[in-house]
Amino acid sequence: MQKLNRTTANKTTIAPERVMQFGGGNFLRAFTDWMFDVLNKETNFNGSIVIIKPTKRGDYDELKEQEGLFHLALDGIRNGELVSTVTLVESVSRVIQPYTQWEEYLKLAESPDLRFIVSNTTESGIKFSEADAFNDNPPHEFPAKLIVWLHHRFQFFNGDKSKGCIIMPCELIEQNGDALHATLLQYAKHFNLSEAFIEWLNNSNYFCNTLVDRIVSGYPTDRAESILNQIGYEDPLLVAGEDYHSWVIQGPAIVQTELPFAKTNLNVQFVDDARAYREMKVRILNGAHTSLVPVAYLSGLRTVKESMDNPLILQFVNEVLSEEITKTLQNFPEKELNYFVKAVLDRFKNPTLKHFLISISLNSTSKFMARLFPALSEYTVAYDELPKRIVFSLSCLIRFYKGEFNGEAIAVNDAQPTLDFFKETWKQKEAGEITTTELVQTILSNTTIWGQNLDAMAGLSLAVAKNIEAIENNGMETEIKNILAK
């Protein structure tokens, strides 16, 4: 089996370096690097990526040895059919470690071709530190490294407005582009940089808020041998992910003009406000998970895939999304909502991703409030009735938090005070000290857990209590059928 590099793969031609990328981990390689590779292969984009190692430890040695090449295995359900592809990604030109190659890092700022900056330095990567100094080679935090680079570019090109950059952070924080911009301004002030530079930073660069979505599982150990035999190369950087992907980019029209994603089949959307799309993702994708877990687990299922193979559970989740959650998302056309719902269900059916329900159940109380309660509340106001499926999921969640079902212990994972409270309240119910309705009222009125008094919502406690009693008396299958039949 051959070593993978540009000579053995006959990929010696490298496009001009147009993208600087902070981070070279599994996600960026399986997401942005792959997307730019598609742009190169399907459009006239003609640009390669220089990867910057954002931290001192490590040097991406394997990526250097393979001269930026690696394979990506994608699997998933598309239009009801299983798809599986393996692609050689060719978009990465080289790696720079600024802790040992500081001058080379700054030299990159002098490139007239460089236009795009991408980052994924984890949620804690976009932050300010007073310990950083302008003359550090390099400063510690990622935004400090970036502001020094941008200042060097500003000076080299004498403030040329056309030499600003399009900056697209992928860190999973809200309004990530705005957050990075604000942090860079903090550093500009901290480093006493000129007003002329600050004006160039603000007016000649474009900071895009983005929302990224793809599950990347990493090196596919269980099937690596088969894939490597298929491609004929050794590739320790082989990375696996799901077929589904989404990149929502909020920015001015010039960004869409310069990134010709519209000429491909990539799921990239340019929008005026990414916050609405974040809300759609949280309510539909994350809300589907949170509504599914307690219902499926109490039904005896243990993984998302098993749950999707169960017709009743599949119908339940589909109806939670299509009949309740999407009815609260009025800012999106029905066609777009239906597409996203279908994509979520296809992702849940992916046989190569083994998601255990008990793992997803971590901190389900707070997840319910962030992901499902807004839809519950808004649906109730809009339709003057409680959304019965979301309420049923809440009922199952409270029953799940008893920590036992049908004689089997449940490893509930939440903050200890929350677990202690549920245990004590259920203990009172089992001792006959309180009724099921009083149990539910006590639980839903705990503002420490829910952030507000849910018992104050008209009819909610009574509906939840009736569901719990029906589950105990009739079993999960019967009650799910009853919910779906109403």
Protein backbone atom coordinates (compact mmCIF):
# COMPACT_ATOMS: atom_id res chain seq x y z
CA MET A 1 0.00 0.00 0.00
CA GLN A 2 1.46 3.38 -1.05
CA LYS A 3 2.27 6.36 1.14
CA LEU A 4 -0.07 9.22 0.35
CA ASN A 5 1.49 12.42 -0.97
CA ARG A 6 1.14 14.66 -4.01
CA THR A 7 3.65 12.68 -6.04
CA THR A 8 2.15 9.24 -5.43
CA ALA A 9 -1.36 10.61 -5.95
CA ASN A 10 -0.33 12.58 -9.05
CA LYS A 11 -1.70 15.82 -7.55
CA THR A 12 1.34 18.07 -7.86
CA THR A 13 -0.54 21.15 -9.11
CA ILE A 14 -1.58 23.42 -6.23
CA ALA A 15 -4.01 26.32 -6.65
CA PRO A 16 -3.10 29.83 -5.41
CA GLU A 17 -3.33 30.17 -1.63
CA ARG A 18 -6.57 32.08 -1.09
CA VAL A 19 -7.71 30.75 2.30
CA MET A 20 -6.03 30.91 5.71
CA GLN A 21 -7.53 28.42 8.16
CA PHE A 22 -6.92 28.37 11.91
CA GLY A 23 -7.20 24.73 12.88
CA GLY A 24 -6.74 21.46 11.02
CA GLY A 25 -8.74 19.02 13.12
CA ASN A 26 -11.26 16.47 11.94
CA PHE A 27 -14.21 18.85 11.68
CA LEU A 28 -12.61 21.53 9.52
CA ARG A 29 -10.98 18.94 7.28
CA ALA A 30 -14.30 17.12 6.80
CA PHE A 31 -16.28 20.33 6.42
CA THR A 32 -14.62 23.49 5.08
CA ASP A 33 -11.60 21.84 3.45
CA TRP A 34 -13.93 19.44 1.65
CA MET A 35 -16.22 22.31 0.60
CA PHE A 36 -13.35 24.35 -0.86
CA ASP A 37 -12.21 21.17 -2.62
CA VAL A 38 -15.66 20.91 -4.21
CA LEU A 39 -15.46 24.59 -5.21
CA ASN A 40 -12.14 23.94 -6.93
CA LYS A 41 -13.43 20.87 -8.76
CA GLU A 42 -16.81 22.25 -9.83
CA THR A 43 -16.24 26.00 -10.26
CA ASN A 44 -13.50 28.46 -11.21
CA PHE A 45 -12.73 29.29 -7.55
CA ASN A 46 -9.14 28.00 -7.91
CA GLY A 47 -7.91 28.43 -4.36
CA SER A 48 -5.98 26.40 -1.80
CA ILE A 49 -5.88 26.54 1.99
CA VAL A 50 -2.98 27.29 4.31
CA ILE A 51 -3.63 25.71 7.69
CA ILE A 52 -2.38 27.60 10.75
CA LYS A 53 -1.79 25.56 13.91
CA PRO A 54 -3.50 27.75 16.53
CA THR A 55 -1.86 26.14 19.59
CA LYS A 56 1.73 25.44 20.55
CA ARG A 57 1.38 21.72 21.10
CA GLY A 58 1.69 19.53 18.00
CA ASP A 59 2.59 20.35 14.45
CA TYR A 60 0.13 18.48 12.17
CA ASP A 61 3.10 16.32 11.16
CA GLU A 62 0.99 13.74 9.31
CA LEU A 63 -0.72 16.46 7.27
CA LYS A 64 2.70 17.84 6.34
CA GLU A 65 4.00 14.40 5.41
CA GLN A 66 0.99 13.85 3.13
CA GLU A 67 1.44 17.35 1.66
CA GLY A 68 -2.08 18.38 2.64
CA LEU A 69 -3.85 15.35 1.16
CA PHE A 70 -6.31 13.13 3.03
CA HIS A 71 -9.41 11.06 2.34
CA LEU A 72 -12.94 11.75 3.56
CA ALA A 73 -15.54 8.97 3.93
CA LEU A 74 -19.14 10.20 3.97
CA ASP A 75 -22.15 8.04 4.74
CA GLY A 76 -25.82 8.72 5.25
CA ILE A 77 -29.38 8.50 4.05
CA ARG A 78 -30.30 10.72 1.10
CA ASN A 79 -33.83 10.61 -0.32
CA GLY A 80 -34.39 7.34 1.50
CA GLU A 81 -31.30 5.68 0.01
CA LEU A 82 -28.01 4.83 1.71
CA VAL A 83 -25.12 6.80 0.19
CA SER A 84 -21.45 6.13 0.84
CA THR A 85 -18.53 7.95 -0.78
CA VAL A 86 -14.77 8.23 -0.28
CA THR A 87 -13.10 11.39 -1.63
CA LEU A 88 -9.49 12.52 -1.86
CA VAL A 89 -9.48 16.11 -0.56
CA GLU A 90 -6.81 18.17 -2.34
CA SER A 91 -7.50 21.73 -1.16
CA VAL A 92 -4.84 22.07 1.56
CA SER A 93 -1.51 23.45 0.29
CA ARG A 94 0.61 23.51 3.46
CA VAL A 95 0.75 23.94 7.23
CA ILE A 96 2.31 26.78 9.21
CA GLN A 97 3.10 26.43 12.94
CA PRO A 98 3.39 30.06 14.12
CA TYR A 99 5.20 29.04 17.31
CA THR A 100 8.13 27.88 15.17
CA GLN A 101 7.41 29.66 11.87
CA TRP A 102 6.35 33.15 12.97
CA GLU A 103 8.02 34.98 10.11
CA GLU A 104 6.47 32.61 7.58
CA TYR A 105 3.09 33.21 9.21
CA LEU A 106 3.48 36.99 8.85
CA LYS A 107 4.81 36.58 5.31
CA LEU A 108 1.49 35.01 4.36
CA ALA A 109 -0.16 38.38 5.10
CA GLU A 110 1.78 39.81 2.16
CA SER A 111 0.05 37.53 -0.34
CA PRO A 112 -2.26 39.46 -2.69
CA ASP A 113 -4.23 36.24 -3.36
CA LEU A 114 -5.17 35.63 0.28
CA ARG A 115 -8.79 36.65 0.78
CA PHE A 116 -10.62 34.25 3.12
CA ILE A 117 -10.03 33.41 6.77
CA VAL A 118 -11.73 30.43 8.44
CA SER A 119 -11.36 29.26 12.05
CA ASN A 120 -12.54 26.61 14.46
CA THR A 121 -10.62 27.09 17.70
CA THR A 122 -13.40 25.64 19.95
CA GLU A 123 -16.01 27.66 21.79
CA SER A 124 -13.35 29.09 24.13
CA GLY A 125 -11.04 30.13 21.30
CA ILE A 126 -12.54 33.56 20.67
CA LYS A 127 -11.45 35.41 23.80
CA PHE A 128 -9.30 38.31 24.96
CA SER A 129 -6.30 38.09 27.29
CA GLU A 130 -4.43 41.05 28.73
CA ALA A 131 -1.39 38.77 28.99
CA ASP A 132 -0.92 38.91 25.22
CA ALA A 133 1.55 41.50 23.91
CA PHE A 134 1.88 42.79 20.35
CA ASN A 135 5.54 41.78 20.13
CA ASP A 136 4.99 38.23 21.34
CA ASN A 137 6.05 35.80 18.62
CA PRO A 138 3.31 34.64 18.75
CA PRO A 139 0.76 35.89 21.28
CA HIS A 140 -1.22 33.13 22.97
CA GLU A 141 -4.85 33.64 21.98
CA PHE A 142 -6.11 33.06 18.44
CA PRO A 143 -7.63 36.59 18.01
CA ALA A 144 -4.31 38.11 19.12
CA LYS A 145 -2.46 36.13 16.46
CA LEU A 146 -5.02 37.24 13.89
CA ILE A 147 -4.90 40.97 14.75
CA VAL A 148 -1.10 40.98 14.42
CA TRP A 149 -1.41 39.27 11.03
CA LEU A 150 -4.07 41.72 9.84
CA HIS A 151 -1.97 44.68 11.04
CA HIS A 152 1.01 43.36 9.10
CA ARG A 153 -1.20 43.06 6.00
CA PHE A 154 -2.51 46.60 6.51
CA GLN A 155 1.03 47.97 6.69
CA PHE A 156 2.40 45.91 3.80
CA PHE A 157 -0.35 47.03 1.42
CA ASN A 158 -0.38 50.62 2.75
CA GLY A 159 -3.99 50.39 3.90
CA ASP A 160 -5.29 49.25 0.51
CA LYS A 161 -9.03 48.76 1.05
CA SER A 162 -9.13 45.94 -1.49
CA LYS A 163 -6.74 43.84 0.59
CA GLY A 164 -9.14 43.28 3.47
CA CYS A 165 -10.38 39.74 4.13
CA ILE A 166 -13.65 37.82 4.35
CA ILE A 167 -13.59 36.23 7.80
CA MET A 168 -15.82 33.24 8.56
CA PRO A 169 -15.35 31.76 12.04
CA CYS A 170 -16.95 28.36 12.60
CA GLU A 171 -16.76 28.30 16.40
CA LEU A 172 -20.06 27.16 17.89
CA ILE A 173 -21.01 30.37 19.64
CA GLU A 174 -23.86 32.71 18.79
CA GLN A 175 -22.98 35.54 16.38
CA ASN A 176 -19.44 34.18 16.08
CA GLY A 177 -18.38 36.73 13.46
CA ASP A 178 -19.53 39.64 15.60
CA ALA A 179 -17.79 38.10 18.62
CA LEU A 180 -14.49 37.74 16.77
CA HIS A 181 -14.73 41.29 15.41
CA ALA A 182 -15.35 42.69 18.91
CA THR A 183 -12.41 40.72 20.33
CA LEU A 184 -10.10 41.98 17.57
CA LEU A 185 -11.12 45.55 18.42
CA GLN A 186 -10.25 44.84 22.06
CA TYR A 187 -6.81 43.73 20.99
CA ALA A 188 -6.38 46.74 18.69
CA LYS A 189 -6.99 49.02 21.65
CA HIS A 190 -4.83 46.86 23.96
CA PHE A 191 -1.95 46.98 21.46
CA ASN A 192 -2.40 50.75 20.86
CA LEU A 193 -2.85 50.27 17.13
CA SER A 194 -3.61 53.27 14.95
CA GLU A 195 -7.04 54.69 14.19
CA ALA A 196 -6.26 54.25 10.50
CA PHE A 197 -5.77 50.52 11.03
CA ILE A 198 -8.97 50.26 13.08
CA GLU A 199 -10.88 52.02 10.30
CA TRP A 200 -9.41 49.56 7.76
CA LEU A 201 -10.27 46.64 10.04
CA ASN A 202 -13.87 47.79 10.37
CA ASN A 203 -14.53 48.91 6.80
CA SER A 204 -12.33 46.77 4.56
CA ASN A 205 -12.90 43.38 6.18
CA TYR A 206 -16.12 41.39 6.33
CA PHE A 207 -16.97 39.47 9.50
CA CYS A 208 -19.57 36.79 8.80
CA ASN A 209 -21.72 35.10 11.41
CA THR A 210 -21.93 31.44 10.48
CA LEU A 211 -23.74 28.30 11.56
CA VAL A 212 -22.13 24.95 10.73
CA ASP A 213 -23.63 21.49 10.92
CA ARG A 214 -22.14 18.09 10.17
CA ILE A 215 -21.44 15.13 12.43
CA VAL A 216 -17.77 14.14 12.03
CA SER A 217 -16.89 10.93 13.83
CA GLY A 218 -13.14 10.90 13.09
CA TYR A 219 -10.99 7.97 12.02
CA PRO A 220 -13.31 5.05 11.16
CA THR A 221 -11.43 2.36 13.06
CA ASP A 222 -14.03 -0.37 12.57
CA ARG A 223 -13.92 -0.13 8.76
CA ALA A 224 -10.62 1.59 8.05
CA GLU A 225 -9.00 -1.52 6.59
CA SER A 226 -11.76 -1.90 4.02
CA ILE A 227 -11.58 1.78 3.03
CA LEU A 228 -7.78 1.80 2.79
CA ASN A 229 -7.86 -1.29 0.58
CA GLN A 230 -10.38 0.50 -1.60
CA ILE A 231 -8.26 3.66 -2.03
CA GLY A 232 -4.89 1.87 -2.16
CA TYR A 233 -3.05 4.31 0.15
CA GLU A 234 -1.98 4.45 3.75
CA ASP A 235 -3.87 7.37 5.25
CA PRO A 236 -3.78 7.97 9.02
CA LEU A 237 -5.74 11.18 8.33
CA LEU A 238 -8.71 9.33 6.88
CA VAL A 239 -11.75 10.95 8.46
CA ALA A 240 -15.40 9.87 8.45
CA GLY A 241 -18.55 11.92 8.71
CA GLU A 242 -22.19 12.02 7.77
CA ASP A 243 -23.37 12.89 4.28
CA TYR A 244 -25.53 15.74 5.60
CA HIS A 245 -23.90 19.15 5.87
CA SER A 246 -25.06 22.73 6.26
CA TRP A 247 -23.19 26.03 6.27
CA VAL A 248 -25.26 29.15 6.89
CA ILE A 249 -23.32 32.35 6.22
CA GLN A 250 -24.52 35.82 7.18
CA GLY A 251 -22.65 38.48 5.27
CA PRO A 252 -22.86 41.15 2.56
CA ALA A 253 -23.53 40.32 -1.08
CA ILE A 254 -19.83 40.43 -1.94
CA VAL A 255 -19.27 37.24 0.08
CA GLN A 256 -21.76 35.29 -1.99
CA THR A 257 -20.27 36.74 -5.17
CA GLU A 258 -16.73 35.67 -4.29
CA LEU A 259 -17.72 32.22 -2.98
CA PRO A 260 -19.57 30.52 -5.89
CA PHE A 261 -21.28 27.86 -3.77
CA ALA A 262 -24.48 28.46 -5.75
CA LYS A 263 -22.81 26.73 -8.70
CA THR A 264 -22.50 23.50 -6.68
CA ASN A 265 -24.93 21.20 -4.90
CA LEU A 266 -23.42 22.03 -1.51
CA ASN A 267 -25.91 22.97 1.20
CA VAL A 268 -24.58 26.50 1.75
CA GLN A 269 -27.01 29.33 2.41
CA PHE A 270 -26.24 33.04 2.40
CA VAL A 271 -28.68 34.81 4.69
CA ASP A 272 -29.39 38.22 6.16
CA ASP A 273 -29.62 36.95 9.73
CA ALA A 274 -28.14 33.64 10.90
CA ARG A 275 -29.95 33.85 14.24
CA ALA A 276 -33.21 32.67 12.71
CA TYR A 277 -31.46 29.65 11.23
CA ARG A 278 -29.85 28.90 14.59
CA GLU A 279 -33.31 28.93 16.11
CA MET A 280 -34.60 26.58 13.40
CA LYS A 281 -31.69 24.20 13.99
CA VAL A 282 -32.14 24.24 17.76
CA ARG A 283 -35.89 23.68 17.58
CA ILE A 284 -35.94 21.05 14.83
CA LEU A 285 -32.65 19.12 15.08
CA ASN A 286 -31.94 19.48 18.78
CA GLY A 287 -35.64 19.52 19.65
CA ALA A 288 -36.11 16.23 17.80
CA HIS A 289 -33.37 14.64 19.90
CA THR A 290 -34.81 15.96 23.16
CA SER A 291 -38.37 14.92 22.35
CA LEU A 292 -37.22 11.50 21.15
CA VAL A 293 -34.99 10.39 24.02
CA PRO A 294 -37.39 9.81 26.93
CA VAL A 295 -40.16 8.44 24.72
CA ALA A 296 -37.90 5.97 22.94
CA TYR A 297 -35.96 4.98 26.06
CA LEU A 298 -39.11 4.17 28.04
CA SER A 299 -40.20 2.15 24.98
CA GLY A 300 -37.18 -0.13 25.46
CA LEU A 301 -34.99 1.33 22.70
CA ARG A 302 -31.39 2.36 23.28
CA THR A 303 -30.05 4.11 20.15
CA VAL A 304 -31.34 6.74 17.74
CA LYS A 305 -31.09 4.29 14.82
CA GLU A 306 -33.16 1.66 16.68
CA SER A 307 -35.72 4.35 17.41
CA MET A 308 -35.98 5.32 13.75
CA ASP A 309 -36.48 1.66 12.83
CA ASN A 310 -39.53 1.59 15.12
CA PRO A 311 -42.57 2.80 13.09
CA LEU A 312 -44.38 4.22 16.13
CA ILE A 313 -41.39 6.22 17.38
CA LEU A 314 -40.58 7.42 13.87
CA GLN A 315 -44.15 8.64 13.43
CA PHE A 316 -44.09 10.31 16.85
CA VAL A 317 -40.90 12.27 16.12
CA ASN A 318 -42.10 13.16 12.63
CA GLU A 319 -45.35 14.55 14.06
CA VAL A 320 -43.58 16.46 16.85
CA LEU A 321 -41.60 18.22 14.15
CA SER A 322 -44.19 18.64 11.39
CA GLU A 323 -47.34 19.20 13.46
CA GLU A 324 -45.99 21.20 16.40
CA ILE A 325 -42.45 22.58 16.24
CA THR A 326 -42.52 23.80 12.63
CA LYS A 327 -45.87 25.50 13.31
CA THR A 328 -43.97 27.91 15.59
CA LEU A 329 -41.35 28.84 12.97
CA GLN A 330 -43.23 31.42 10.96
CA ASN A 331 -40.16 33.09 9.42
CA PHE A 332 -39.42 30.21 7.06
CA PRO A 333 -41.29 28.96 3.99
CA GLU A 334 -43.02 25.61 4.44
CA LYS A 335 -40.86 24.02 1.75
CA GLU A 336 -37.65 24.88 3.62
CA LEU A 337 -39.02 23.61 6.93
CA ASN A 338 -40.17 20.35 5.35
CA TYR A 339 -36.75 19.87 3.76
CA PHE A 340 -35.00 20.35 7.10
CA VAL A 341 -37.37 17.98 8.91
CA LYS A 342 -36.77 15.31 6.26
CA ALA A 343 -33.01 15.85 6.48
CA VAL A 344 -33.09 15.48 10.27
CA LEU A 345 -35.01 12.20 10.08
CA ASP A 346 -32.61 10.92 7.41
CA ARG A 347 -29.68 11.80 9.67
CA PHE A 348 -31.26 9.94 12.56
CA LYS A 349 -31.57 6.85 10.32
CA ASN A 350 -27.86 6.84 9.40
CA PRO A 351 -26.67 3.28 10.15
CA THR A 352 -23.02 4.30 10.52
CA LEU A 353 -23.68 6.62 13.47
CA LYS A 354 -24.38 4.85 16.75
CA HIS A 355 -25.92 7.45 19.07
CA PHE A 356 -26.96 6.08 22.44
CA LEU A 357 -30.08 7.66 23.89
CA ILE A 358 -28.66 7.63 27.40
CA SER A 359 -25.72 9.75 26.20
CA ILE A 360 -28.01 12.26 24.51
CA SER A 361 -30.11 12.44 27.70
CA LEU A 362 -27.42 14.40 29.58
CA ASN A 363 -28.99 17.45 31.27
CA SER A 364 -32.36 16.82 29.64
CA THR A 365 -34.17 19.32 31.90
CA SER A 366 -32.14 22.29 30.67
CA LYS A 367 -32.23 20.94 27.12
CA PHE A 368 -36.04 20.79 27.29
CA MET A 369 -36.22 24.44 28.24
CA ALA A 370 -33.81 25.57 25.52
CA ARG A 371 -35.07 23.33 22.73
CA LEU A 372 -38.71 22.45 23.30
CA PHE A 373 -40.29 24.89 25.75
CA PRO A 374 -40.24 27.87 23.34
CA ALA A 375 -42.26 25.80 20.85
CA LEU A 376 -44.57 24.53 23.61
CA SER A 377 -45.24 28.08 24.81
CA GLU A 378 -45.66 29.68 21.38
CA TYR A 379 -47.86 26.85 20.07
CA THR A 380 -50.14 27.17 23.10
CA VAL A 381 -50.58 30.90 22.54
CA ALA A 382 -51.07 30.57 18.78
CA TYR A 383 -53.55 27.65 18.82
CA ASP A 384 -55.07 28.05 22.29
CA GLU A 385 -54.23 24.47 23.20
CA LEU A 386 -51.23 22.54 24.47
CA PRO A 387 -49.10 20.70 21.87
CA LYS A 388 -49.97 17.15 22.93
CA ARG A 389 -46.82 15.46 21.58
CA ILE A 390 -44.36 17.86 23.24
CA VAL A 391 -46.39 17.54 26.45
CA PHE A 392 -46.19 13.76 26.16
CA SER A 393 -42.42 13.97 25.76
CA LEU A 394 -42.24 16.16 28.88
CA SER A 395 -44.34 13.56 30.71
CA CYS A 396 -41.92 10.81 29.66
CA LEU A 397 -38.98 12.97 30.71
CA ILE A 398 -40.39 13.34 34.23
CA ARG A 399 -41.05 9.58 34.35
CA PHE A 400 -37.52 8.95 32.99
CA TYR A 401 -36.06 11.07 35.81
CA LYS A 402 -37.52 8.67 38.36
CA GLY A 403 -34.37 6.69 37.55
CA GLU A 404 -36.21 3.40 37.04
CA PHE A 405 -38.72 1.92 34.62
CA ASN A 406 -40.16 -1.58 34.41
CA GLY A 407 -37.74 -2.75 37.09
CA GLU A 408 -34.65 -1.49 35.22
CA ALA A 409 -32.43 1.28 36.60
CA ILE A 410 -31.92 4.35 34.39
CA ALA A 411 -28.55 6.13 34.61
CA VAL A 412 -29.99 9.65 34.59
CA ASN A 413 -27.25 12.26 34.22
CA ASP A 414 -27.92 15.80 35.40
CA ALA A 415 -26.79 18.24 38.07
CA GLN A 416 -26.77 16.49 41.45
CA PRO A 417 -29.28 18.85 43.11
CA THR A 418 -31.68 18.15 40.23
CA LEU A 419 -31.26 14.40 40.58
CA ASP A 420 -31.72 14.62 44.36
CA PHE A 421 -34.91 16.65 43.94
CA PHE A 422 -36.47 14.19 41.48
CA LYS A 423 -35.49 11.24 43.67
CA GLU A 424 -37.04 12.76 46.79
CA THR A 425 -40.23 13.85 45.01
CA TRP A 426 -40.76 10.43 43.41
CA LYS A 427 -40.04 8.84 46.79
CA GLN A 428 -42.91 10.85 48.28
CA LYS A 429 -45.20 9.70 45.49
CA GLU A 430 -44.24 6.03 45.98
CA ALA A 431 -44.89 6.36 49.72
CA GLY A 432 -48.39 7.63 49.01
CA GLU A 433 -47.65 11.03 50.52
CA ILE A 434 -48.56 12.90 47.33
CA THR A 435 -50.68 12.15 44.26
CA THR A 436 -49.39 12.01 40.70
CA THR A 437 -50.83 15.46 40.07
CA GLU A 438 -49.12 16.84 43.17
CA LEU A 439 -45.87 15.18 42.07
CA VAL A 440 -46.05 16.93 38.71
CA GLN A 441 -47.04 20.26 40.25
CA THR A 442 -44.11 20.07 42.67
CA ILE A 443 -41.68 19.23 39.86
CA LEU A 444 -42.91 21.78 37.33
CA SER A 445 -43.00 24.59 39.90
CA ASN A 446 -39.30 24.17 40.73
CA THR A 447 -37.88 27.35 39.23
CA THR A 448 -34.31 26.29 40.01
CA ILE A 449 -34.60 23.42 37.54
CA TRP A 450 -36.73 25.00 34.82
CA GLY A 451 -35.87 28.68 35.20
CA GLN A 452 -39.56 29.51 35.61
CA ASN A 453 -42.71 28.10 37.15
CA LEU A 454 -44.08 25.71 34.52
CA ASP A 455 -46.97 24.79 36.80
CA ALA A 456 -48.35 28.27 36.09
CA MET A 457 -49.08 27.28 32.48
CA ALA A 458 -52.79 26.51 32.32
CA GLY A 459 -53.54 22.80 32.08
CA LEU A 460 -49.93 21.64 31.76
CA SER A 461 -49.52 19.87 35.10
CA LEU A 462 -52.86 18.10 34.74
CA ALA A 463 -52.04 16.92 31.20
CA VAL A 464 -48.61 15.64 32.25
CA ALA A 465 -50.06 13.85 35.29
CA LYS A 466 -52.70 12.13 33.11
CA ASN A 467 -49.99 10.98 30.70
CA ILE A 468 -47.83 9.55 33.48
CA GLU A 469 -50.76 7.63 34.98
CA ALA A 470 -51.76 6.33 31.55
CA ILE A 471 -48.19 5.13 30.90
CA GLU A 472 -48.17 3.27 34.24
CA ASN A 473 -51.57 1.70 33.60
CA ASN A 474 -51.43 0.98 29.87
CA GLY A 475 -47.77 0.89 28.85
CA MET A 476 -45.77 3.02 26.44
CA GLU A 477 -46.87 1.47 23.16
CA THR A 478 -50.56 1.94 23.89
CA GLU A 479 -50.12 5.53 25.01
CA ILE A 480 -47.98 6.51 22.03
CA LYS A 481 -50.71 5.10 19.78
CA ASN A 482 -53.29 7.07 21.73
CA ILE A 483 -51.30 10.30 21.35
CA LEU A 484 -50.86 9.75 17.62
CA ALA A 485 -54.55 8.86 17.15
CA LYS A 486 -55.90 12.05 18.78
